[in-house]
PDB file of all heavy atoms in Angstrom:
ATOM      1  N   THR A   1      -4.267  28.426 -28.998  1.00  0.00           N
ATOM      2  CA  THR A   1      -3.464  28.214 -30.210  1.00  0.00           C
ATOM      3  C   THR A   1      -2.196  29.070 -30.154  1.00  0.00           C
ATOM      4  O   THR A   1      -1.226  28.687 -29.514  1.00  0.00           O
ATOM      5  CB  THR A   1      -4.292  28.554 -31.466  1.00  0.00           C
ATOM      6  OG1 THR A   1      -4.843  29.880 -31.339  1.00  0.00           O
ATOM      7  CG2 THR A   1      -5.439  27.559 -31.650  1.00  0.00           C
ATOM      8  N   VAL A   2      -2.206  30.210 -30.786  1.00  0.00           N
ATOM      9  CA  VAL A   2      -0.987  31.017 -30.916  1.00  0.00           C
ATOM     10  C   VAL A   2      -0.605  31.742 -29.636  1.00  0.00           C
ATOM     11  O   VAL A   2       0.532  32.211 -29.497  1.00  0.00           O
ATOM     12  CB  VAL A   2      -1.140  32.044 -32.059  1.00  0.00           C
ATOM     13  CG1 VAL A   2      -1.234  31.344 -33.398  1.00  0.00           C
ATOM     14  CG2 VAL A   2      -2.344  32.941 -31.835  1.00  0.00           C
ATOM     15  N   LEU A   3      -1.533  31.869 -28.687  1.00  0.00           N
ATOM     16  CA  LEU A   3      -1.238  32.571 -27.432  1.00  0.00           C
ATOM     17  C   LEU A   3      -1.560  31.668 -26.243  1.00  0.00           C
ATOM     18  O   LEU A   3      -2.267  32.054 -25.313  1.00  0.00           O
ATOM     19  CB  LEU A   3      -2.038  33.880 -27.356  1.00  0.00           C
ATOM     20  CG  LEU A   3      -1.622  34.969 -28.346  1.00  0.00           C
ATOM     21  CD1 LEU A   3      -2.581  36.148 -28.308  1.00  0.00           C
ATOM     22  CD2 LEU A   3      -0.197  35.448 -28.042  1.00  0.00           C
ATOM     23  N   ARG A   4      -1.006  30.474 -26.280  1.00  0.00           N
ATOM     24  CA  ARG A   4      -1.253  29.526 -25.190  1.00  0.00           C
ATOM     25  C   ARG A   4      -0.596  30.001 -23.899  1.00  0.00           C
ATOM     26  O   ARG A   4       0.471  30.617 -23.913  1.00  0.00           O
ATOM     27  CB  ARG A   4      -0.720  28.138 -25.557  1.00  0.00           C
ATOM     28  CG  ARG A   4      -1.587  27.370 -26.530  1.00  0.00           C
ATOM     29  CD  ARG A   4      -1.095  25.943 -26.658  1.00  0.00           C
ATOM     30  NE  ARG A   4       0.246  25.909 -27.236  1.00  0.00           N
ATOM     31  CZ  ARG A   4       0.486  25.814 -28.528  1.00  0.00           C
ATOM     32  NH1 ARG A   4      -0.518  25.745 -29.385  1.00  0.00           N
ATOM     33  NH2 ARG A   4       1.720  25.789 -28.979  1.00  0.00           N
ATOM     34  N   GLY A   5      -1.225  29.651 -22.783  1.00  0.00           N
ATOM     35  CA  GLY A   5      -0.687  30.006 -21.477  1.00  0.00           C
ATOM     36  C   GLY A   5      -1.776  29.984 -20.435  1.00  0.00           C
ATOM     37  O   GLY A   5      -2.967  29.890 -20.747  1.00  0.00           O
ATOM     38  N   GLU A   6      -1.373  30.085 -19.170  1.00  0.00           N
ATOM     39  CA  GLU A   6      -2.335  30.076 -18.075  1.00  0.00           C
ATOM     40  C   GLU A   6      -2.881  31.475 -17.855  1.00  0.00           C
ATOM     41  O   GLU A   6      -2.157  32.462 -17.955  1.00  0.00           O
ATOM     42  CB  GLU A   6      -1.673  29.589 -16.779  1.00  0.00           C
ATOM     43  CG  GLU A   6      -1.427  28.093 -16.754  1.00  0.00           C
ATOM     44  CD  GLU A   6      -1.005  27.629 -15.371  1.00  0.00           C
ATOM     45  OE1 GLU A   6      -1.401  28.271 -14.386  1.00  0.00           O
ATOM     46  OE2 GLU A   6      -0.272  26.643 -15.290  1.00  0.00           O
ATOM     47  N   ALA A   7      -4.170  31.536 -17.535  1.00  0.00           N
ATOM     48  CA  ALA A   7      -4.788  32.823 -17.199  1.00  0.00           C
ATOM     49  C   ALA A   7      -4.354  33.230 -15.803  1.00  0.00           C
ATOM     50  O   ALA A   7      -4.328  32.420 -14.882  1.00  0.00           O
ATOM     51  CB  ALA A   7      -6.312  32.719 -17.261  1.00  0.00           C
ATOM     52  N   THR A   8      -3.976  34.499 -15.639  1.00  0.00           N
ATOM     53  CA  THR A   8      -3.546  34.994 -14.335  1.00  0.00           C
ATOM     54  C   THR A   8      -4.739  35.564 -13.589  1.00  0.00           C
ATOM     55  O   THR A   8      -5.706  36.046 -14.181  1.00  0.00           O
ATOM     56  CB  THR A   8      -2.482  36.092 -14.495  1.00  0.00           C
ATOM     57  OG1 THR A   8      -3.016  37.154 -15.295  1.00  0.00           O
ATOM     58  CG2 THR A   8      -1.250  35.546 -15.179  1.00  0.00           C
ATOM     59  N   SER A   9      -4.654  35.505 -12.280  1.00  0.00           N
ATOM     60  CA  SER A   9      -5.711  36.075 -11.444  1.00  0.00           C
ATOM     61  C   SER A   9      -5.351  37.512 -11.098  1.00  0.00           C
ATOM     62  O   SER A   9      -4.202  37.928 -11.221  1.00  0.00           O
ATOM     63  CB  SER A   9      -5.870  35.260 -10.161  1.00  0.00           C
ATOM     64  OG  SER A   9      -4.664  35.263  -9.426  1.00  0.00           O
ATOM     65  N   PHE A  10      -6.331  38.274 -10.672  1.00  0.00           N
ATOM     66  CA  PHE A  10      -6.070  39.642 -10.248  1.00  0.00           C
ATOM     67  C   PHE A  10      -7.029  40.013  -9.133  1.00  0.00           C
ATOM     68  O   PHE A  10      -8.099  39.435  -8.992  1.00  0.00           O
ATOM     69  CB  PHE A  10      -6.201  40.622 -11.421  1.00  0.00           C
ATOM     70  CG  PHE A  10      -7.621  40.946 -11.810  1.00  0.00           C
ATOM     71  CD1 PHE A  10      -8.181  42.171 -11.473  1.00  0.00           C
ATOM     72  CD2 PHE A  10      -8.396  40.048 -12.517  1.00  0.00           C
ATOM     73  CE1 PHE A  10      -9.481  42.474 -11.837  1.00  0.00           C
ATOM     74  CE2 PHE A  10      -9.691  40.347 -12.878  1.00  0.00           C
ATOM     75  CZ  PHE A  10     -10.232  41.566 -12.539  1.00  0.00           C
ATOM     76  N   SER A  11      -6.590  40.958  -8.316  1.00  0.00           N
ATOM     77  CA  SER A  11      -7.418  41.427  -7.200  1.00  0.00           C
ATOM     78  C   SER A  11      -8.253  42.603  -7.676  1.00  0.00           C
ATOM     79  O   SER A  11      -7.707  43.596  -8.157  1.00  0.00           O
ATOM     80  CB  SER A  11      -6.528  41.854  -6.023  1.00  0.00           C
ATOM     81  OG  SER A  11      -5.768  40.764  -5.552  1.00  0.00           O
ATOM     82  N   LEU A  12      -9.548  42.473  -7.562  1.00  0.00           N
ATOM     83  CA  LEU A  12     -10.447  43.545  -7.971  1.00  0.00           C
ATOM     84  C   LEU A  12     -11.226  44.014  -6.754  1.00  0.00           C
ATOM     85  O   LEU A  12     -12.073  43.285  -6.231  1.00  0.00           O
ATOM     86  CB  LEU A  12     -11.410  43.074  -9.057  1.00  0.00           C
ATOM     87  CG  LEU A  12     -12.440  44.111  -9.537  1.00  0.00           C
ATOM     88  CD1 LEU A  12     -11.722  45.302 -10.155  1.00  0.00           C
ATOM     89  CD2 LEU A  12     -13.404  43.497 -10.527  1.00  0.00           C
ATOM     90  N   GLU A  13     -10.885  45.204  -6.276  1.00  0.00           N
ATOM     91  CA  GLU A  13     -11.569  45.762  -5.121  1.00  0.00           C
ATOM     92  C   GLU A  13     -12.765  46.573  -5.606  1.00  0.00           C
ATOM     93  O   GLU A  13     -12.621  47.463  -6.451  1.00  0.00           O
ATOM     94  CB  GLU A  13     -10.606  46.656  -4.336  1.00  0.00           C
ATOM     95  CG  GLU A  13     -11.222  47.269  -3.101  1.00  0.00           C
ATOM     96  CD  GLU A  13     -10.227  48.147  -2.368  1.00  0.00           C
ATOM     97  OE1 GLU A  13      -9.070  48.228  -2.818  1.00  0.00           O
ATOM     98  OE2 GLU A  13     -10.608  48.754  -1.365  1.00  0.00           O
ATOM     99  N   LEU A  14     -13.943  46.257  -5.092  1.00  0.00           N
ATOM    100  CA  LEU A  14     -15.133  46.989  -5.483  1.00  0.00           C
ATOM    101  C   LEU A  14     -15.160  48.317  -4.731  1.00  0.00           C
ATOM    102  O   LEU A  14     -15.271  48.330  -3.502  1.00  0.00           O
ATOM    103  CB  LEU A  14     -16.387  46.169  -5.174  1.00  0.00           C
ATOM    104  CG  LEU A  14     -16.528  44.860  -5.953  1.00  0.00           C
ATOM    105  CD1 LEU A  14     -17.821  44.172  -5.576  1.00  0.00           C
ATOM    106  CD2 LEU A  14     -16.467  45.103  -7.443  1.00  0.00           C
ATOM    107  N   PRO A  15     -15.060  49.434  -5.447  1.00  0.00           N
ATOM    108  CA  PRO A  15     -15.038  50.729  -4.765  1.00  0.00           C
ATOM    109  C   PRO A  15     -16.417  51.082  -4.231  1.00  0.00           C
ATOM    110  O   PRO A  15     -17.433  50.546  -4.697  1.00  0.00           O
ATOM    111  CB  PRO A  15     -14.626  51.697  -5.885  1.00  0.00           C
ATOM    112  CG  PRO A  15     -15.132  51.052  -7.129  1.00  0.00           C
ATOM    113  CD  PRO A  15     -15.002  49.565  -6.908  1.00  0.00           C
ATOM    114  N   PRO A  16     -16.492  51.980  -3.256  1.00  0.00           N
ATOM    115  CA  PRO A  16     -17.808  52.412  -2.765  1.00  0.00           C
ATOM    116  C   PRO A  16     -18.541  53.215  -3.829  1.00  0.00           C
ATOM    117  O   PRO A  16     -17.926  53.781  -4.738  1.00  0.00           O
ATOM    118  CB  PRO A  16     -17.467  53.280  -1.544  1.00  0.00           C
ATOM    119  CG  PRO A  16     -16.077  53.757  -1.800  1.00  0.00           C
ATOM    120  CD  PRO A  16     -15.389  52.654  -2.544  1.00  0.00           C
ATOM    121  N   TYR A  17     -19.856  53.247  -3.716  1.00  0.00           N
ATOM    122  CA  TYR A  17     -20.657  54.060  -4.627  1.00  0.00           C
ATOM    123  C   TYR A  17     -20.504  55.522  -4.232  1.00  0.00           C
ATOM    124  O   TYR A  17     -20.678  55.892  -3.063  1.00  0.00           O
ATOM    125  CB  TYR A  17     -22.130  53.656  -4.561  1.00  0.00           C
ATOM    126  CG  TYR A  17     -22.383  52.252  -5.017  1.00  0.00           C
ATOM    127  CD1 TYR A  17     -22.544  51.221  -4.096  1.00  0.00           C
ATOM    128  CD2 TYR A  17     -22.457  51.939  -6.366  1.00  0.00           C
ATOM    129  CE1 TYR A  17     -22.779  49.921  -4.512  1.00  0.00           C
ATOM    130  CE2 TYR A  17     -22.691  50.647  -6.789  1.00  0.00           C
ATOM    131  CZ  TYR A  17     -22.848  49.638  -5.854  1.00  0.00           C
ATOM    132  OH  TYR A  17     -23.081  48.351  -6.270  1.00  0.00           O
ATOM    133  N   ARG A  18     -20.167  56.348  -5.220  1.00  0.00           N
ATOM    134  CA  ARG A  18     -19.978  57.767  -4.939  1.00  0.00           C
ATOM    135  C   ARG A  18     -20.684  58.581  -6.005  1.00  0.00           C
ATOM    136  O   ARG A  18     -20.700  58.192  -7.179  1.00  0.00           O
ATOM    137  CB  ARG A  18     -18.484  58.147  -4.939  1.00  0.00           C
ATOM    138  CG  ARG A  18     -17.638  57.368  -3.948  1.00  0.00           C
ATOM    139  CD  ARG A  18     -16.228  57.920  -3.920  1.00  0.00           C
ATOM    140  NE  ARG A  18     -15.368  57.125  -3.062  1.00  0.00           N
ATOM    141  CZ  ARG A  18     -14.362  56.369  -3.484  1.00  0.00           C
ATOM    142  NH1 ARG A  18     -14.097  56.316  -4.772  1.00  0.00           N
ATOM    143  NH2 ARG A  18     -13.626  55.683  -2.640  1.00  0.00           N
ATOM    144  N   PRO A  19     -21.248  59.716  -5.649  1.00  0.00           N
ATOM    145  CA  PRO A  19     -21.846  60.579  -6.677  1.00  0.00           C
ATOM    146  C   PRO A  19     -20.764  61.117  -7.594  1.00  0.00           C
ATOM    147  O   PRO A  19     -19.686  61.494  -7.127  1.00  0.00           O
ATOM    148  CB  PRO A  19     -22.503  61.705  -5.858  1.00  0.00           C
ATOM    149  CG  PRO A  19     -21.777  61.705  -4.555  1.00  0.00           C
ATOM    150  CD  PRO A  19     -21.394  60.281  -4.290  1.00  0.00           C
ATOM    151  N   PRO A  20     -21.006  61.144  -8.901  1.00  0.00           N
ATOM    152  CA  PRO A  20     -19.970  61.611  -9.831  1.00  0.00           C
ATOM    153  C   PRO A  20     -19.751  63.112  -9.738  1.00  0.00           C
ATOM    154  O   PRO A  20     -20.660  63.871  -9.400  1.00  0.00           O
ATOM    155  CB  PRO A  20     -20.532  61.227 -11.201  1.00  0.00           C
ATOM    156  CG  PRO A  20     -22.009  61.204 -11.002  1.00  0.00           C
ATOM    157  CD  PRO A  20     -22.232  60.738  -9.590  1.00  0.00           C
ATOM    158  N   ASN A  21     -18.540  63.511 -10.034  1.00  0.00           N
ATOM    159  CA  ASN A  21     -18.211  64.926 -10.140  1.00  0.00           C
ATOM    160  C   ASN A  21     -18.569  65.372 -11.561  1.00  0.00           C
ATOM    161  O   ASN A  21     -17.852  65.081 -12.515  1.00  0.00           O
ATOM    162  CB  ASN A  21     -16.717  65.140  -9.859  1.00  0.00           C
ATOM    163  CG  ASN A  21     -16.350  66.604  -9.781  1.00  0.00           C
ATOM    164  OD1 ASN A  21     -16.842  67.422 -10.554  1.00  0.00           O
ATOM    165  ND2 ASN A  21     -15.476  66.939  -8.844  1.00  0.00           N
ATOM    166  N   ILE A  22     -19.698  66.067 -11.695  1.00  0.00           N
ATOM    167  CA  ILE A  22     -20.244  66.366 -13.016  1.00  0.00           C
ATOM    168  C   ILE A  22     -19.288  67.203 -13.857  1.00  0.00           C
ATOM    169  O   ILE A  22     -19.065  66.914 -15.045  1.00  0.00           O
ATOM    170  CB  ILE A  22     -21.603  67.085 -12.890  1.00  0.00           C
ATOM    171  CG1 ILE A  22     -22.607  66.182 -12.145  1.00  0.00           C
ATOM    172  CG2 ILE A  22     -22.143  67.442 -14.260  1.00  0.00           C
ATOM    173  CD1 ILE A  22     -22.870  64.852 -12.817  1.00  0.00           C
ATOM    174  N   LEU A  23     -18.683  68.234 -13.266  1.00  0.00           N
ATOM    175  CA  LEU A  23     -17.786  69.102 -14.042  1.00  0.00           C
ATOM    176  C   LEU A  23     -16.577  68.328 -14.539  1.00  0.00           C
ATOM    177  O   LEU A  23     -16.172  68.463 -15.698  1.00  0.00           O
ATOM    178  CB  LEU A  23     -17.352  70.296 -13.190  1.00  0.00           C
ATOM    179  CG  LEU A  23     -18.451  71.300 -12.827  1.00  0.00           C
ATOM    180  CD1 LEU A  23     -17.886  72.417 -11.962  1.00  0.00           C
ATOM    181  CD2 LEU A  23     -19.090  71.878 -14.086  1.00  0.00           C
ATOM    182  N   ARG A  24     -15.987  67.509 -13.660  1.00  0.00           N
ATOM    183  CA  ARG A  24     -14.831  66.717 -14.082  1.00  0.00           C
ATOM    184  C   ARG A  24     -15.236  65.686 -15.129  1.00  0.00           C
ATOM    185  O   ARG A  24     -14.497  65.410 -16.071  1.00  0.00           O
ATOM    186  CB  ARG A  24     -14.192  66.019 -12.878  1.00  0.00           C
ATOM    187  CG  ARG A  24     -12.949  65.211 -13.240  1.00  0.00           C
ATOM    188  CD  ARG A  24     -12.245  64.724 -11.987  1.00  0.00           C
ATOM    189  NE  ARG A  24     -13.074  63.804 -11.239  1.00  0.00           N
ATOM    190  CZ  ARG A  24     -13.142  62.489 -11.505  1.00  0.00           C
ATOM    191  NH1 ARG A  24     -12.439  61.981 -12.506  1.00  0.00           N
ATOM    192  NH2 ARG A  24     -13.891  61.692 -10.785  1.00  0.00           N
ATOM    193  N   THR A  25     -16.435  65.113 -14.954  1.00  0.00           N
ATOM    194  CA  THR A  25     -16.929  64.131 -15.926  1.00  0.00           C
ATOM    195  C   THR A  25     -17.076  64.756 -17.304  1.00  0.00           C
ATOM    196  O   THR A  25     -16.667  64.178 -18.315  1.00  0.00           O
ATOM    197  CB  THR A  25     -18.274  63.560 -15.461  1.00  0.00           C
ATOM    198  OG1 THR A  25     -18.089  62.834 -14.245  1.00  0.00           O
ATOM    199  CG2 THR A  25     -18.857  62.628 -16.507  1.00  0.00           C
ATOM    200  N   LEU A  26     -17.661  65.956 -17.344  1.00  0.00           N
ATOM    201  CA  LEU A  26     -17.826  66.635 -18.632  1.00  0.00           C
ATOM    202  C   LEU A  26     -16.481  66.965 -19.249  1.00  0.00           C
ATOM    203  O   LEU A  26     -16.279  66.824 -20.459  1.00  0.00           O
ATOM    204  CB  LEU A  26     -18.656  67.906 -18.439  1.00  0.00           C
ATOM    205  CG  LEU A  26     -20.139  67.691 -18.097  1.00  0.00           C
ATOM    206  CD1 LEU A  26     -20.818  69.036 -17.832  1.00  0.00           C
ATOM    207  CD2 LEU A  26     -20.857  66.954 -19.216  1.00  0.00           C
ATOM    208  N   TYR A  27     -15.527  67.393 -18.418  1.00  0.00           N
ATOM    209  CA  TYR A  27     -14.210  67.752 -18.941  1.00  0.00           C
ATOM    210  C   TYR A  27     -13.514  66.532 -19.534  1.00  0.00           C
ATOM    211  O   TYR A  27     -13.070  66.546 -20.689  1.00  0.00           O
ATOM    212  CB  TYR A  27     -13.349  68.359 -17.837  1.00  0.00           C
ATOM    213  CG  TYR A  27     -11.959  68.737 -18.308  1.00  0.00           C
ATOM    214  CD1 TYR A  27     -11.702  70.012 -18.805  1.00  0.00           C
ATOM    215  CD2 TYR A  27     -10.911  67.814 -18.277  1.00  0.00           C
ATOM    216  CE1 TYR A  27     -10.431  70.348 -19.251  1.00  0.00           C
ATOM    217  CE2 TYR A  27      -9.653  68.142 -18.720  1.00  0.00           C
ATOM    218  CZ  TYR A  27      -9.415  69.416 -19.203  1.00  0.00           C
ATOM    219  OH  TYR A  27      -8.167  69.738 -19.646  1.00  0.00           O
ATOM    220  N   THR A  28     -13.397  65.467 -18.708  1.00  0.00           N
ATOM    221  CA  THR A  28     -12.668  64.289 -19.178  1.00  0.00           C
ATOM    222  C   THR A  28     -13.375  63.613 -20.340  1.00  0.00           C
ATOM    223  O   THR A  28     -12.725  63.050 -21.225  1.00  0.00           O
ATOM    224  CB  THR A  28     -12.494  63.277 -18.030  1.00  0.00           C
ATOM    225  OG1 THR A  28     -13.785  62.957 -17.488  1.00  0.00           O
ATOM    226  CG2 THR A  28     -11.631  63.856 -16.929  1.00  0.00           C
ATOM    227  N   SER A  29     -14.707  63.663 -20.363  1.00  0.00           N
ATOM    228  CA  SER A  29     -15.459  62.982 -21.416  1.00  0.00           C
ATOM    229  C   SER A  29     -15.446  63.761 -22.724  1.00  0.00           C
ATOM    230  O   SER A  29     -15.259  63.186 -23.798  1.00  0.00           O
ATOM    231  CB  SER A  29     -16.906  62.747 -20.979  1.00  0.00           C
ATOM    232  OG  SER A  29     -16.956  61.968 -19.814  1.00  0.00           O
ATOM    233  N   LEU A  30     -15.662  65.074 -22.625  1.00  0.00           N
ATOM    234  CA  LEU A  30     -15.776  65.883 -23.839  1.00  0.00           C
ATOM    235  C   LEU A  30     -14.421  66.305 -24.382  1.00  0.00           C
ATOM    236  O   LEU A  30     -14.203  66.295 -25.601  1.00  0.00           O
ATOM    237  CB  LEU A  30     -16.640  67.117 -23.559  1.00  0.00           C
ATOM    238  CG  LEU A  30     -18.087  66.827 -23.138  1.00  0.00           C
ATOM    239  CD1 LEU A  30     -18.836  68.129 -22.871  1.00  0.00           C
ATOM    240  CD2 LEU A  30     -18.812  66.017 -24.203  1.00  0.00           C
ATOM    241  N   ILE A  31     -13.508  66.683 -23.502  1.00  0.00           N
ATOM    242  CA  ILE A  31     -12.215  67.190 -23.955  1.00  0.00           C
ATOM    243  C   ILE A  31     -11.214  66.057 -24.108  1.00  0.00           C
ATOM    244  O   ILE A  31     -10.572  65.890 -25.141  1.00  0.00           O
ATOM    245  CB  ILE A  31     -11.672  68.251 -22.972  1.00  0.00           C
ATOM    246  CG1 ILE A  31     -12.695  69.380 -22.786  1.00  0.00           C
ATOM    247  CG2 ILE A  31     -10.330  68.786 -23.468  1.00  0.00           C
ATOM    248  CD1 ILE A  31     -13.014  70.127 -24.051  1.00  0.00           C
ATOM    249  N   ASP A  32     -11.090  65.256 -23.038  1.00  0.00           N
ATOM    250  CA  ASP A  32     -10.021  64.265 -23.014  1.00  0.00           C
ATOM    251  C   ASP A  32     -10.352  63.014 -23.811  1.00  0.00           C
ATOM    252  O   ASP A  32      -9.469  62.224 -24.124  1.00  0.00           O
ATOM    253  CB  ASP A  32      -9.723  63.889 -21.557  1.00  0.00           C
ATOM    254  CG  ASP A  32      -8.311  63.374 -21.373  1.00  0.00           C
ATOM    255  OD1 ASP A  32      -7.443  63.789 -22.148  1.00  0.00           O
ATOM    256  OD2 ASP A  32      -8.092  62.562 -20.466  1.00  0.00           O
ATOM    257  N   ARG A  33     -11.625  62.790 -24.115  1.00  0.00           N
ATOM    258  CA  ARG A  33     -11.992  61.580 -24.869  1.00  0.00           C
ATOM    259  C   ARG A  33     -12.645  61.945 -26.197  1.00  0.00           C
ATOM    260  O   ARG A  33     -12.157  61.613 -27.265  1.00  0.00           O
ATOM    261  CB  ARG A  33     -12.931  60.699 -24.035  1.00  0.00           C
ATOM    262  CG  ARG A  33     -12.256  60.073 -22.825  1.00  0.00           C
ATOM    263  CD  ARG A  33     -13.222  59.193 -22.046  1.00  0.00           C
ATOM    264  NE  ARG A  33     -12.593  58.603 -20.876  1.00  0.00           N
ATOM    265  CZ  ARG A  33     -13.224  57.842 -19.990  1.00  0.00           C
ATOM    266  NH1 ARG A  33     -14.510  57.577 -20.140  1.00  0.00           N
ATOM    267  NH2 ARG A  33     -12.584  57.340 -18.961  1.00  0.00           N
ATOM    268  N   THR A  34     -13.780  62.658 -26.126  1.00  0.00           N
ATOM    269  CA  THR A  34     -14.579  62.893 -27.332  1.00  0.00           C
ATOM    270  C   THR A  34     -13.788  63.649 -28.392  1.00  0.00           C
ATOM    271  O   THR A  34     -13.691  63.209 -29.539  1.00  0.00           O
ATOM    272  CB  THR A  34     -15.854  63.668 -26.968  1.00  0.00           C
ATOM    273  OG1 THR A  34     -16.603  62.918 -26.019  1.00  0.00           O
ATOM    274  CG2 THR A  34     -16.699  63.910 -28.202  1.00  0.00           C
ATOM    275  N   LEU A  35     -13.237  64.800 -28.037  1.00  0.00           N
ATOM    276  CA  LEU A  35     -12.574  65.629 -29.042  1.00  0.00           C
ATOM    277  C   LEU A  35     -11.297  64.991 -29.572  1.00  0.00           C
ATOM    278  O   LEU A  35     -10.970  65.128 -30.755  1.00  0.00           O
ATOM    279  CB  LEU A  35     -12.277  67.019 -28.457  1.00  0.00           C
ATOM    280  CG  LEU A  35     -13.513  67.866 -28.133  1.00  0.00           C
ATOM    281  CD1 LEU A  35     -13.097  69.258 -27.678  1.00  0.00           C
ATOM    282  CD2 LEU A  35     -14.449  67.963 -29.343  1.00  0.00           C
ATOM    283  N   ILE A  36     -10.567  64.281 -28.692  1.00  0.00           N
ATOM    284  CA  ILE A  36      -9.341  63.630 -29.145  1.00  0.00           C
ATOM    285  C   ILE A  36      -9.666  62.515 -30.141  1.00  0.00           C
ATOM    286  O   ILE A  36      -9.047  62.399 -31.208  1.00  0.00           O
ATOM    287  CB  ILE A  36      -8.555  63.081 -27.941  1.00  0.00           C
ATOM    288  CG1 ILE A  36      -7.975  64.247 -27.130  1.00  0.00           C
ATOM    289  CG2 ILE A  36      -7.442  62.141 -28.393  1.00  0.00           C
ATOM    290  CD1 ILE A  36      -7.240  63.822 -25.879  1.00  0.00           C
ATOM    291  N   VAL A  37     -10.664  61.679 -29.803  1.00  0.00           N
ATOM    292  CA  VAL A  37     -11.057  60.609 -30.714  1.00  0.00           C
ATOM    293  C   VAL A  37     -11.630  61.189 -31.999  1.00  0.00           C
ATOM    294  O   VAL A  37     -11.359  60.693 -33.105  1.00  0.00           O
ATOM    295  CB  VAL A  37     -12.073  59.679 -30.028  1.00  0.00           C
ATOM    296  CG1 VAL A  37     -12.604  58.651 -31.014  1.00  0.00           C
ATOM    297  CG2 VAL A  37     -11.435  58.978 -28.837  1.00  0.00           C
ATOM    298  N   LEU A  38     -12.427  62.255 -31.878  1.00  0.00           N
ATOM    299  CA  LEU A  38     -13.005  62.888 -33.058  1.00  0.00           C
ATOM    300  C   LEU A  38     -11.907  63.442 -33.963  1.00  0.00           C
ATOM    301  O   LEU A  38     -11.977  63.311 -35.189  1.00  0.00           O
ATOM    302  CB  LEU A  38     -13.957  64.015 -32.629  1.00  0.00           C
ATOM    303  CG  LEU A  38     -14.651  64.763 -33.766  1.00  0.00           C
ATOM    304  CD1 LEU A  38     -15.591  63.828 -34.510  1.00  0.00           C
ATOM    305  CD2 LEU A  38     -15.413  65.969 -33.227  1.00  0.00           C
ATOM    306  N   TRP A  39     -10.886  64.045 -33.378  1.00  0.00           N
ATOM    307  CA  TRP A  39      -9.799  64.604 -34.177  1.00  0.00           C
ATOM    308  C   TRP A  39      -9.089  63.509 -34.966  1.00  0.00           C
ATOM    309  O   TRP A  39      -8.791  63.678 -36.156  1.00  0.00           O
ATOM    310  CB  TRP A  39      -8.807  65.336 -33.276  1.00  0.00           C
ATOM    311  CG  TRP A  39      -7.525  65.688 -33.966  1.00  0.00           C
ATOM    312  CD1 TRP A  39      -6.288  65.181 -33.739  1.00  0.00           C
ATOM    313  CD2 TRP A  39      -7.362  66.633 -35.038  1.00  0.00           C
ATOM    314  NE1 TRP A  39      -5.363  65.730 -34.572  1.00  0.00           N
ATOM    315  CE2 TRP A  39      -5.990  66.632 -35.389  1.00  0.00           C
ATOM    316  CE3 TRP A  39      -8.236  67.468 -35.726  1.00  0.00           C
ATOM    317  CZ2 TRP A  39      -5.489  67.433 -36.393  1.00  0.00           C
ATOM    318  CZ3 TRP A  39      -7.719  68.275 -36.741  1.00  0.00           C
ATOM    319  CH2 TRP A  39      -6.363  68.257 -37.056  1.00  0.00           C
ATOM    320  N   ARG A  40      -8.841  62.365 -34.314  1.00  0.00           N
ATOM    321  CA  ARG A  40      -8.198  61.258 -35.024  1.00  0.00           C
ATOM    322  C   ARG A  40      -9.066  60.780 -36.186  1.00  0.00           C
ATOM    323  O   ARG A  40      -8.571  60.499 -37.278  1.00  0.00           O
ATOM    324  CB  ARG A  40      -7.932  60.101 -34.061  1.00  0.00           C
ATOM    325  CG  ARG A  40      -6.858  60.384 -33.028  1.00  0.00           C
ATOM    326  CD  ARG A  40      -6.678  59.200 -32.102  1.00  0.00           C
ATOM    327  NE  ARG A  40      -5.646  59.452 -31.114  1.00  0.00           N
ATOM    328  CZ  ARG A  40      -5.341  58.605 -30.126  1.00  0.00           C
ATOM    329  NH1 ARG A  40      -5.980  57.461 -30.031  1.00  0.00           N
ATOM    330  NH2 ARG A  40      -4.396  58.913 -29.263  1.00  0.00           N
ATOM    331  N   ALA A  41     -10.367  60.683 -35.942  1.00  0.00           N
ATOM    332  CA  ALA A  41     -11.281  60.231 -36.995  1.00  0.00           C
ATOM    333  C   ALA A  41     -11.303  61.215 -38.153  1.00  0.00           C
ATOM    334  O   ALA A  41     -11.349  60.824 -39.326  1.00  0.00           O
ATOM    335  CB  ALA A  41     -12.683  60.046 -36.424  1.00  0.00           C
ATOM    336  N   VAL A  42     -11.277  62.514 -37.850  1.00  0.00           N
ATOM    337  CA  VAL A  42     -11.291  63.543 -38.890  1.00  0.00           C
ATOM    338  C   VAL A  42     -10.042  63.447 -39.756  1.00  0.00           C
ATOM    339  O   VAL A  42     -10.096  63.551 -40.989  1.00  0.00           O
ATOM    340  CB  VAL A  42     -11.417  64.938 -38.251  1.00  0.00           C
ATOM    341  CG1 VAL A  42     -11.060  66.039 -39.247  1.00  0.00           C
ATOM    342  CG2 VAL A  42     -12.834  65.154 -37.724  1.00  0.00           C
ATOM    343  N   VAL A  43      -8.889  63.242 -39.108  1.00  0.00           N
ATOM    344  CA  VAL A  43      -7.626  63.137 -39.852  1.00  0.00           C
ATOM    345  C   VAL A  43      -7.678  61.988 -40.850  1.00  0.00           C
ATOM    346  O   VAL A  43      -7.220  62.109 -41.995  1.00  0.00           O
ATOM    347  CB  VAL A  43      -6.447  62.956 -38.869  1.00  0.00           C
ATOM    348  CG1 VAL A  43      -5.176  62.592 -39.623  1.00  0.00           C
ATOM    349  CG2 VAL A  43      -6.235  64.229 -38.059  1.00  0.00           C
TER     350      VAL A  43
END
């Protein structure tokens, strides 16, 4: 309807399975995502 057009294709490369970096995961998840989103919600 309002957004008519052809769907574009994209290349999706499946990355290898790797063990997660736990410290970086905690940092990006708790600081860079959780607290920022929480702050917006609090405001």
